[in-house]
Amino acid sequence: MDLINILKENPNINITVKAEELMQFANYIISKTRQEINSIIEEEQKEVLFTREEAGKALGVTLMTLYNWKKSGYLEAVKIGKAVRYKKSDIDKLLMKGINSK
């Protein structure tokens, strides 16, 4: 049985470990932490795209307002084929600064 399993099964146990086992445990914790951090970073780097309807609803504006904002450069649109999409990160920025402060 390895140290990790012992600790999981007996969280209140006092134990004596060899330095090698302690290093293995530390490396395991570091590895798991890196995996979790990388997973969070990867998830945040994925760009979510909203349809015109979703963007309008999120911002509380009409499709015509979205069109005008796109045309004026106030809100950038992404074209995927014939479809128009809006980046969630751009929408979030507008919401953070307040869309009425245009």
Protein backbone atom coordinates (compact mmCIF):
# COMPACT_ATOMS: atom_id res chain seq x y z
CA MET A 1 0.00 0.00 0.00
CA ASP A 2 1.40 3.43 -0.87
CA LEU A 3 1.33 6.60 1.24
CA ILE A 4 -1.54 8.21 -0.62
CA ASN A 5 -3.86 5.26 -0.06
CA ILE A 6 -2.88 5.06 3.62
CA LEU A 7 -3.72 8.75 4.08
CA LYS A 8 -7.02 8.41 2.23
CA GLU A 9 -8.10 5.44 4.32
CA ASN A 10 -6.82 6.78 7.66
CA PRO A 11 -6.79 10.61 7.63
CA ASN A 12 -6.00 10.91 11.37
CA ILE A 13 -3.14 8.40 11.50
CA ASN A 14 0.37 9.28 12.65
CA ILE A 15 2.98 7.64 10.44
CA THR A 16 6.69 7.56 9.86
CA VAL A 17 7.78 7.71 6.24
CA LYS A 18 11.04 7.41 4.40
CA ALA A 19 12.38 10.48 2.64
CA GLU A 20 11.89 8.72 -0.71
CA GLU A 21 8.21 8.14 0.03
CA LEU A 22 7.79 11.74 1.12
CA MET A 23 9.37 12.93 -2.13
CA GLN A 24 7.06 10.65 -4.13
CA PHE A 25 4.09 12.08 -2.27
CA ALA A 26 5.26 15.66 -2.87
CA ASN A 27 5.78 14.95 -6.57
CA TYR A 28 2.31 13.40 -6.76
CA ILE A 29 0.74 16.49 -5.16
CA ILE A 30 2.68 18.80 -7.48
CA SER A 31 1.69 16.76 -10.53
CA LYS A 32 -2.00 16.72 -9.56
CA THR A 33 -1.96 20.46 -8.88
CA ARG A 34 -0.34 21.16 -12.27
CA GLN A 35 -2.98 19.02 -14.00
CA GLU A 36 -5.78 20.90 -12.27
CA ILE A 37 -4.28 24.31 -13.06
CA ASN A 38 -3.68 23.35 -16.71
CA SER A 39 -7.25 22.09 -16.97
CA ILE A 40 -8.60 25.39 -15.62
CA ILE A 41 -6.38 27.39 -17.98
CA GLU A 42 -7.41 25.32 -21.00
CA GLU A 43 -11.09 25.70 -20.12
CA GLU A 44 -10.76 29.46 -19.78
CA GLN A 45 -8.91 29.73 -23.07
CA LYS A 46 -11.73 28.10 -24.99
CA GLU A 47 -13.65 30.92 -26.62
CA VAL A 48 -17.39 30.63 -26.33
CA LEU A 49 -19.31 32.11 -29.26
CA PHE A 50 -22.85 33.44 -28.99
CA THR A 51 -25.41 33.59 -31.77
CA ARG A 52 -26.96 36.99 -32.50
CA GLU A 53 -29.99 36.02 -30.43
CA GLU A 54 -27.89 34.84 -27.48
CA ALA A 55 -25.73 37.97 -27.60
CA GLY A 56 -28.77 40.23 -27.78
CA LYS A 57 -30.38 38.48 -24.85
CA ALA A 58 -27.17 38.57 -22.77
CA LEU A 59 -26.75 42.29 -23.45
CA GLY A 60 -30.45 43.14 -23.27
CA VAL A 61 -30.48 44.75 -26.72
CA THR A 62 -32.24 44.15 -30.02
CA LEU A 63 -30.74 42.47 -33.07
CA MET A 64 -30.75 45.87 -34.79
CA THR A 65 -28.64 47.32 -31.99
CA LEU A 66 -26.20 44.42 -32.33
CA TYR A 67 -26.01 45.05 -36.07
CA ASN A 68 -25.35 48.76 -35.50
CA TRP A 69 -22.67 47.99 -32.90
CA LYS A 70 -21.03 45.55 -35.30
CA LYS A 71 -21.16 48.07 -38.12
CA SER A 72 -19.67 50.84 -35.95
CA GLY A 73 -16.98 48.57 -34.50
CA TYR A 74 -18.34 48.87 -30.96
CA LEU A 75 -18.82 45.09 -30.79
CA GLU A 76 -16.75 42.86 -33.03
CA ALA A 77 -18.50 39.97 -34.76
CA VAL A 78 -16.96 36.73 -35.96
CA LYS A 79 -18.12 35.27 -39.28
CA ILE A 80 -18.20 31.49 -39.55
CA GLY A 81 -19.33 30.82 -43.07
CA LYS A 82 -22.54 32.82 -43.33
CA ALA A 83 -23.18 32.75 -39.58
CA VAL A 84 -22.45 35.75 -37.38
CA ARG A 85 -21.20 35.04 -33.87
CA TYR A 86 -20.09 37.18 -30.94
CA LYS A 87 -17.33 36.30 -28.50
CA LYS A 88 -18.53 35.78 -24.94
CA SER A 89 -15.38 37.54 -23.72
CA ASP A 90 -16.34 40.66 -25.75
CA ILE A 91 -19.87 40.55 -24.38
CA ASP A 92 -18.53 40.18 -20.84
CA LYS A 93 -16.29 43.23 -21.37
CA LEU A 94 -19.27 45.31 -22.46
CA LEU A 95 -21.27 44.15 -19.48
CA MET A 96 -18.41 44.96 -17.13
CA LYS A 97 -17.96 48.50 -18.38
CA GLY A 98 -21.68 49.07 -18.85
CA ILE A 99 -23.15 49.02 -22.33
CA ASN A 100 -24.73 52.45 -21.85
CA SER A 101 -21.34 54.14 -21.51
CA LYS A 102 -20.89 53.71 -25.27
